[in-house]
Amino acid sequence: MERIRIQRLEKELLKFINNIVNYKLRDKNLEWVSISAVKLSNDISRAKIYFTFLGKKSPQDILETLTKSSGFIKKEIAAAKFLRQIPELIFLPDELEKNAQNLDKIFAKIHAEKEK
């Protein structure tokens, strides 16, 4: 039962933080940045927030900007009052997209070799 509650909170936080990043934070480094997943610890003390992005920006620059903005994001979460305890926010680049692109390249290479 507790896990269901945590999953619901993860979905709510995903929508909420995406909204903050896209509409309330006015930073050039955060253009084309999207929050792809939120994973809460069982005690809701930590939230791992995975982000994806388009463009030529480095993930490190985006990570720095999000980390600097975490105080504002936590304040917004507190104001929304859907969590009693505000978790520590840990931002991480989502490697899923990069891994998918690498797999596509490998499959294309295999396909090209088969046609030879």
C-alpha atoms as a PDB file:
ATOM      1  CA  MET A   1       0.000   0.000   0.000  1.00  0.00           C
ATOM      2  CA  GLU A   2       2.828   2.396   0.881  1.00  0.00           C
ATOM      3  CA  ARG A   3       4.509   1.797  -2.495  1.00  0.00           C
ATOM      4  CA  ILE A   4       1.305   2.798  -4.303  1.00  0.00           C
ATOM      5  CA  ARG A   5       1.318   6.088  -2.387  1.00  0.00           C
ATOM      6  CA  ILE A   6       4.965   6.681  -3.308  1.00  0.00           C
ATOM      7  CA  GLN A   7       4.253   5.971  -6.995  1.00  0.00           C
ATOM      8  CA  ARG A   8       1.372   8.460  -6.919  1.00  0.00           C
ATOM      9  CA  LEU A   9       3.625  11.071  -5.303  1.00  0.00           C
ATOM     10  CA  GLU A  10       6.325  10.406  -7.930  1.00  0.00           C
ATOM     11  CA  LYS A  11       3.803  11.105 -10.713  1.00  0.00           C
ATOM     12  CA  GLU A  12       2.621  14.288  -8.994  1.00  0.00           C
ATOM     13  CA  LEU A  13       6.183  15.504  -8.455  1.00  0.00           C
ATOM     14  CA  LEU A  14       7.077  14.714 -12.083  1.00  0.00           C
ATOM     15  CA  LYS A  15       4.269  16.935 -13.383  1.00  0.00           C
ATOM     16  CA  PHE A  16       4.887  19.634 -10.789  1.00  0.00           C
ATOM     17  CA  ILE A  17       8.667  19.890 -11.271  1.00  0.00           C
ATOM     18  CA  ASN A  18       8.291  19.787 -15.068  1.00  0.00           C
ATOM     19  CA  ASN A  19       5.914  22.727 -14.791  1.00  0.00           C
ATOM     20  CA  ILE A  20       8.372  24.654 -12.610  1.00  0.00           C
ATOM     21  CA  VAL A  21      11.343  23.974 -14.908  1.00  0.00           C
ATOM     22  CA  ASN A  22       9.436  24.861 -18.075  1.00  0.00           C
ATOM     23  CA  TYR A  23       7.406  27.861 -16.905  1.00  0.00           C
ATOM     24  CA  LYS A  24       8.741  29.358 -13.668  1.00  0.00           C
ATOM     25  CA  LEU A  25      12.515  29.081 -14.002  1.00  0.00           C
ATOM     26  CA  ARG A  26      13.661  31.591 -16.587  1.00  0.00           C
ATOM     27  CA  ASP A  27      17.128  30.312 -17.403  1.00  0.00           C
ATOM     28  CA  LYS A  28      18.655  29.879 -20.863  1.00  0.00           C
ATOM     29  CA  ASN A  29      20.353  26.640 -19.742  1.00  0.00           C
ATOM     30  CA  LEU A  30      16.963  25.074 -19.057  1.00  0.00           C
ATOM     31  CA  GLU A  31      15.446  25.609 -22.503  1.00  0.00           C
ATOM     32  CA  TRP A  32      14.439  22.248 -24.014  1.00  0.00           C
ATOM     33  CA  VAL A  33      14.937  20.467 -20.676  1.00  0.00           C
ATOM     34  CA  SER A  34      12.338  17.959 -19.572  1.00  0.00           C
ATOM     35  CA  ILE A  35      12.017  15.963 -16.376  1.00  0.00           C
ATOM     36  CA  SER A  36      11.688  12.320 -17.424  1.00  0.00           C
ATOM     37  CA  ALA A  37      11.343  10.519 -14.084  1.00  0.00           C
ATOM     38  CA  VAL A  38      11.185  11.046 -10.337  1.00  0.00           C
ATOM     39  CA  LYS A  39      12.154   8.263  -7.929  1.00  0.00           C
ATOM     40  CA  LEU A  40      11.409   8.770  -4.244  1.00  0.00           C
ATOM     41  CA  SER A  41      13.136   6.867  -1.470  1.00  0.00           C
ATOM     42  CA  ASN A  42      10.854   4.736   0.724  1.00  0.00           C
ATOM     43  CA  ASP A  43      10.950   7.307   3.526  1.00  0.00           C
ATOM     44  CA  ILE A  44      10.423  10.191   1.039  1.00  0.00           C
ATOM     45  CA  SER A  45      13.584  11.912   2.286  1.00  0.00           C
ATOM     46  CA  ARG A  46      15.287  11.906  -1.137  1.00  0.00           C
ATOM     47  CA  ALA A  47      14.016  12.379  -4.668  1.00  0.00           C
ATOM     48  CA  LYS A  48      16.161  11.417  -7.640  1.00  0.00           C
ATOM     49  CA  ILE A  49      15.032  13.566 -10.542  1.00  0.00           C
ATOM     50  CA  TYR A  50      16.090  12.458 -14.020  1.00  0.00           C
ATOM     51  CA  PHE A  51      16.180  14.989 -16.856  1.00  0.00           C
ATOM     52  CA  THR A  52      16.552  14.855 -20.627  1.00  0.00           C
ATOM     53  CA  PHE A  53      17.407  17.695 -22.971  1.00  0.00           C
ATOM     54  CA  LEU A  54      17.714  18.619 -26.613  1.00  0.00           C
ATOM     55  CA  GLY A  55      20.430  20.716 -28.129  1.00  0.00           C
ATOM     56  CA  LYS A  56      24.151  21.144 -27.769  1.00  0.00           C
ATOM     57  CA  LYS A  57      24.244  22.011 -24.066  1.00  0.00           C
ATOM     58  CA  SER A  58      26.369  19.889 -21.799  1.00  0.00           C
ATOM     59  CA  PRO A  59      24.560  17.829 -19.171  1.00  0.00           C
ATOM     60  CA  GLN A  60      26.957  19.267 -16.576  1.00  0.00           C
ATOM     61  CA  ASP A  61      25.766  22.850 -17.244  1.00  0.00           C
ATOM     62  CA  ILE A  62      22.134  21.800 -16.967  1.00  0.00           C
ATOM     63  CA  LEU A  63      22.890  19.814 -13.815  1.00  0.00           C
ATOM     64  CA  GLU A  64      24.560  22.861 -12.221  1.00  0.00           C
ATOM     65  CA  THR A  65      21.611  25.095 -13.091  1.00  0.00           C
ATOM     66  CA  LEU A  66      19.060  22.621 -11.733  1.00  0.00           C
ATOM     67  CA  THR A  67      21.085  22.111  -8.559  1.00  0.00           C
ATOM     68  CA  LYS A  68      21.305  25.876  -8.011  1.00  0.00           C
ATOM     69  CA  SER A  69      17.530  26.115  -8.556  1.00  0.00           C
ATOM     70  CA  SER A  70      16.710  23.296  -6.137  1.00  0.00           C
ATOM     71  CA  GLY A  71      15.995  25.744  -3.290  1.00  0.00           C
ATOM     72  CA  PHE A  72      13.359  27.514  -5.382  1.00  0.00           C
ATOM     73  CA  ILE A  73      11.880  24.184  -6.506  1.00  0.00           C
ATOM     74  CA  LYS A  74      11.687  22.950  -2.896  1.00  0.00           C
ATOM     75  CA  LYS A  75       9.984  26.199  -1.881  1.00  0.00           C
ATOM     76  CA  GLU A  76       7.394  25.711  -4.641  1.00  0.00           C
ATOM     77  CA  ILE A  77       6.791  22.097  -3.548  1.00  0.00           C
ATOM     78  CA  ALA A  78       6.312  23.282   0.046  1.00  0.00           C
ATOM     79  CA  ALA A  79       3.849  25.957  -1.090  1.00  0.00           C
ATOM     80  CA  ALA A  80       1.799  23.358  -2.996  1.00  0.00           C
ATOM     81  CA  LYS A  81       1.343  21.446   0.296  1.00  0.00           C
ATOM     82  CA  PHE A  82       1.002  17.954  -1.136  1.00  0.00           C
ATOM     83  CA  LEU A  83       3.977  16.684   0.892  1.00  0.00           C
ATOM     84  CA  ARG A  84       4.523  17.114   4.620  1.00  0.00           C
ATOM     85  CA  GLN A  85       8.247  16.484   4.317  1.00  0.00           C
ATOM     86  CA  ILE A  86      10.130  18.110   1.439  1.00  0.00           C
ATOM     87  CA  PRO A  87      12.677  15.640   0.043  1.00  0.00           C
ATOM     88  CA  GLU A  88      16.290  16.386  -0.798  1.00  0.00           C
ATOM     89  CA  LEU A  89      16.387  16.892  -4.581  1.00  0.00           C
ATOM     90  CA  ILE A  90      19.081  15.005  -6.481  1.00  0.00           C
ATOM     91  CA  PHE A  91      19.219  15.806 -10.202  1.00  0.00           C
ATOM     92  CA  LEU A  92      20.656  13.250 -12.631  1.00  0.00           C
ATOM     93  CA  PRO A  93      20.883  13.177 -16.433  1.00  0.00           C
ATOM     94  CA  ASP A  94      18.676  10.452 -17.907  1.00  0.00           C
ATOM     95  CA  GLU A  95      20.938   8.116 -19.876  1.00  0.00           C
ATOM     96  CA  LEU A  96      18.019   6.185 -21.406  1.00  0.00           C
ATOM     97  CA  GLU A  97      17.833   8.386 -24.522  1.00  0.00           C
ATOM     98  CA  LYS A  98      21.579   8.199 -25.077  1.00  0.00           C
ATOM     99  CA  ASN A  99      21.538   4.412 -24.670  1.00  0.00           C
ATOM    100  CA  ALA A 100      18.654   4.114 -27.135  1.00  0.00           C
ATOM    101  CA  GLN A 101      20.577   6.154 -29.719  1.00  0.00           C
ATOM    102  CA  ASN A 102      23.634   3.937 -29.246  1.00  0.00           C
ATOM    103  CA  LEU A 103      21.497   0.828 -29.760  1.00  0.00           C
ATOM    104  CA  ASP A 104      20.010   2.335 -32.925  1.00  0.00           C
ATOM    105  CA  LYS A 105      23.529   2.920 -34.274  1.00  0.00           C
ATOM    106  CA  ILE A 106      24.543  -0.656 -33.469  1.00  0.00           C
ATOM    107  CA  PHE A 107      21.429  -2.082 -35.149  1.00  0.00           C
ATOM    108  CA  ALA A 108      21.993   0.106 -38.223  1.00  0.00           C
ATOM    109  CA  LYS A 109      25.591  -1.103 -38.417  1.00  0.00           C
ATOM    110  CA  ILE A 110      24.508  -4.760 -38.155  1.00  0.00           C
ATOM    111  CA  HIS A 111      21.840  -4.216 -40.796  1.00  0.00           C
ATOM    112  CA  ALA A 112      24.379  -2.573 -43.137  1.00  0.00           C
ATOM    113  CA  GLU A 113      26.815  -5.476 -42.680  1.00  0.00           C
ATOM    114  CA  LYS A 114      24.100  -8.041 -43.460  1.00  0.00           C
ATOM    115  CA  GLU A 115      23.300  -6.300 -46.740  1.00  0.00           C
ATOM    116  CA  LYS A 116      26.922  -6.556 -47.936  1.00  0.00           C
END
